[in-house]
Amino acid sequence: MGTNATINPILLTTGLCILASILLAIIGFVLRSRGKLRAQGPALAWAILTILPLFGAGAAMFTKHEVEHAVGVTNSGDNAENVKSAP
């Protein structure tokens, strides 16, 4: 990547989802210290909420890859040099 390179939108989405998950974990620690997540049910619900953005990032990457494969931007068995640019 040179100085004029653009930001890859899928990496930006993935980074934002990871950042959201970290932020939710920090909020969970604060809530736990204040006594809001002492019970098992709310703590489990918050833990599941915390990892949901990570699954969203994986789903976004998978969906983008499958769409590119379906429209012919990428093909199975091709090296990176042979990949066509997106329309």
C-alpha atoms as a PDB file:
ATOM      1  CA  MET A   1       0.000   0.000   0.000  1.00  0.00           C
ATOM      2  CA  GLY A   2       1.362   3.334  -1.008  1.00  0.00           C
ATOM      3  CA  THR A   3       0.594   6.758   0.303  1.00  0.00           C
ATOM      4  CA  ASN A   4      -2.447   7.111  -1.995  1.00  0.00           C
ATOM      5  CA  ALA A   5      -4.015   3.785  -0.992  1.00  0.00           C
ATOM      6  CA  THR A   6      -7.685   3.782  -0.058  1.00  0.00           C
ATOM      7  CA  ILE A   7      -9.059   2.153   3.079  1.00  0.00           C
ATOM      8  CA  ASN A   8     -10.468  -1.311   2.508  1.00  0.00           C
ATOM      9  CA  PRO A   9     -14.140  -1.076   3.566  1.00  0.00           C
ATOM     10  CA  ILE A  10     -14.281  -4.642   4.882  1.00  0.00           C
ATOM     11  CA  LEU A  11     -11.254  -4.019   7.114  1.00  0.00           C
ATOM     12  CA  LEU A  12     -12.848  -0.815   8.350  1.00  0.00           C
ATOM     13  CA  THR A  13     -16.068  -2.684   9.180  1.00  0.00           C
ATOM     14  CA  THR A  14     -14.120  -5.452  10.901  1.00  0.00           C
ATOM     15  CA  GLY A  15     -12.098  -2.956  12.911  1.00  0.00           C
ATOM     16  CA  LEU A  16     -15.214  -1.100  14.011  1.00  0.00           C
ATOM     17  CA  CYS A  17     -16.879  -4.358  15.087  1.00  0.00           C
ATOM     18  CA  ILE A  18     -13.817  -5.354  17.116  1.00  0.00           C
ATOM     19  CA  LEU A  19     -13.712  -1.885  18.675  1.00  0.00           C
ATOM     20  CA  ALA A  20     -17.404  -2.160  19.571  1.00  0.00           C
ATOM     21  CA  SER A  21     -16.795  -5.529  21.228  1.00  0.00           C
ATOM     22  CA  ILE A  22     -13.909  -4.146  23.291  1.00  0.00           C
ATOM     23  CA  LEU A  23     -16.012  -1.140  24.307  1.00  0.00           C
ATOM     24  CA  LEU A  24     -18.878  -3.410  25.386  1.00  0.00           C
ATOM     25  CA  ALA A  25     -16.439  -5.506  27.445  1.00  0.00           C
ATOM     26  CA  ILE A  26     -15.137  -2.404  29.220  1.00  0.00           C
ATOM     27  CA  ILE A  27     -18.703  -1.256  29.931  1.00  0.00           C
ATOM     28  CA  GLY A  28     -19.435  -4.743  31.283  1.00  0.00           C
ATOM     29  CA  PHE A  29     -16.494  -4.534  33.688  1.00  0.00           C
ATOM     30  CA  VAL A  30     -17.737  -1.158  34.923  1.00  0.00           C
ATOM     31  CA  LEU A  31     -21.281  -2.478  35.376  1.00  0.00           C
ATOM     32  CA  ARG A  32     -19.930  -5.523  37.222  1.00  0.00           C
ATOM     33  CA  SER A  33     -17.937  -3.348  39.620  1.00  0.00           C
ATOM     34  CA  ARG A  34     -21.078  -1.281  40.339  1.00  0.00           C
ATOM     35  CA  GLY A  35     -23.040  -4.434  41.117  1.00  0.00           C
ATOM     36  CA  LYS A  36     -25.339  -4.411  38.075  1.00  0.00           C
ATOM     37  CA  LEU A  37     -24.099  -7.729  36.651  1.00  0.00           C
ATOM     38  CA  ARG A  38     -23.754  -9.747  39.867  1.00  0.00           C
ATOM     39  CA  ALA A  39     -26.495 -12.240  38.956  1.00  0.00           C
ATOM     40  CA  GLN A  40     -25.729 -15.035  36.509  1.00  0.00           C
ATOM     41  CA  GLY A  41     -28.505 -14.215  33.997  1.00  0.00           C
ATOM     42  CA  PRO A  42     -27.629 -10.583  33.280  1.00  0.00           C
ATOM     43  CA  ALA A  43     -23.906 -11.396  33.246  1.00  0.00           C
ATOM     44  CA  LEU A  44     -24.440 -14.139  30.669  1.00  0.00           C
ATOM     45  CA  ALA A  45     -26.648 -11.879  28.543  1.00  0.00           C
ATOM     46  CA  TRP A  46     -23.989  -9.147  28.615  1.00  0.00           C
ATOM     47  CA  ALA A  47     -21.261 -11.645  27.682  1.00  0.00           C
ATOM     48  CA  ILE A  48     -23.282 -12.767  24.659  1.00  0.00           C
ATOM     49  CA  LEU A  49     -23.953  -9.138  23.699  1.00  0.00           C
ATOM     50  CA  THR A  50     -20.218  -8.450  23.934  1.00  0.00           C
ATOM     51  CA  ILE A  51     -19.246 -11.116  21.377  1.00  0.00           C
ATOM     52  CA  LEU A  52     -22.049 -10.385  18.894  1.00  0.00           C
ATOM     53  CA  PRO A  53     -20.044  -7.682  17.014  1.00  0.00           C
ATOM     54  CA  LEU A  54     -17.282 -10.239  16.403  1.00  0.00           C
ATOM     55  CA  PHE A  55     -19.768 -12.573  14.743  1.00  0.00           C
ATOM     56  CA  GLY A  56     -21.037  -9.601  12.745  1.00  0.00           C
ATOM     57  CA  ALA A  57     -17.513  -8.909  11.491  1.00  0.00           C
ATOM     58  CA  GLY A  58     -17.112 -12.532  10.429  1.00  0.00           C
ATOM     59  CA  ALA A  59     -20.483 -12.495   8.683  1.00  0.00           C
ATOM     60  CA  ALA A  60     -19.568  -9.276   6.841  1.00  0.00           C
ATOM     61  CA  MET A  61     -16.278 -10.729   5.584  1.00  0.00           C
ATOM     62  CA  PHE A  62     -17.927 -13.994   4.528  1.00  0.00           C
ATOM     63  CA  THR A  63     -20.790 -12.220   2.753  1.00  0.00           C
ATOM     64  CA  LYS A  64     -18.436  -9.906   0.832  1.00  0.00           C
ATOM     65  CA  HIS A  65     -16.324 -12.865  -0.249  1.00  0.00           C
ATOM     66  CA  GLU A  66     -19.355 -14.870  -1.388  1.00  0.00           C
ATOM     67  CA  VAL A  67     -20.783 -11.935  -3.356  1.00  0.00           C
ATOM     68  CA  GLU A  68     -17.443 -11.367  -5.109  1.00  0.00           C
ATOM     69  CA  HIS A  69     -17.253 -15.070  -5.906  1.00  0.00           C
ATOM     70  CA  ALA A  70     -20.840 -15.112  -7.232  1.00  0.00           C
ATOM     71  CA  VAL A  71     -20.359 -12.134  -9.577  1.00  0.00           C
ATOM     72  CA  GLY A  72     -17.016 -13.409 -10.847  1.00  0.00           C
ATOM     73  CA  VAL A  73     -14.645 -10.891  -9.252  1.00  0.00           C
ATOM     74  CA  THR A  74     -12.780 -13.776  -7.620  1.00  0.00           C
ATOM     75  CA  ASN A  75     -12.523 -17.360  -8.784  1.00  0.00           C
ATOM     76  CA  SER A  76     -11.566 -20.536  -6.966  1.00  0.00           C
ATOM     77  CA  GLY A  77      -7.978 -21.621  -7.599  1.00  0.00           C
ATOM     78  CA  ASP A  78      -6.760 -18.240  -8.892  1.00  0.00           C
ATOM     79  CA  ASN A  79      -3.780 -16.502  -7.375  1.00  0.00           C
ATOM     80  CA  ALA A  80      -3.948 -12.886  -6.258  1.00  0.00           C
ATOM     81  CA  GLU A  81      -2.224 -11.725  -9.464  1.00  0.00           C
ATOM     82  CA  ASN A  82      -5.101 -13.034 -11.591  1.00  0.00           C
ATOM     83  CA  VAL A  83      -7.941 -11.418  -9.628  1.00  0.00           C
ATOM     84  CA  LYS A  84     -10.022  -8.905 -11.602  1.00  0.00           C
ATOM     85  CA  SER A  85     -10.816  -5.527 -10.103  1.00  0.00           C
ATOM     86  CA  ALA A  86     -14.293  -4.937  -8.736  1.00  0.00           C
ATOM     87  CA  PRO A  87     -16.747  -3.343 -11.194  1.00  0.00           C
END
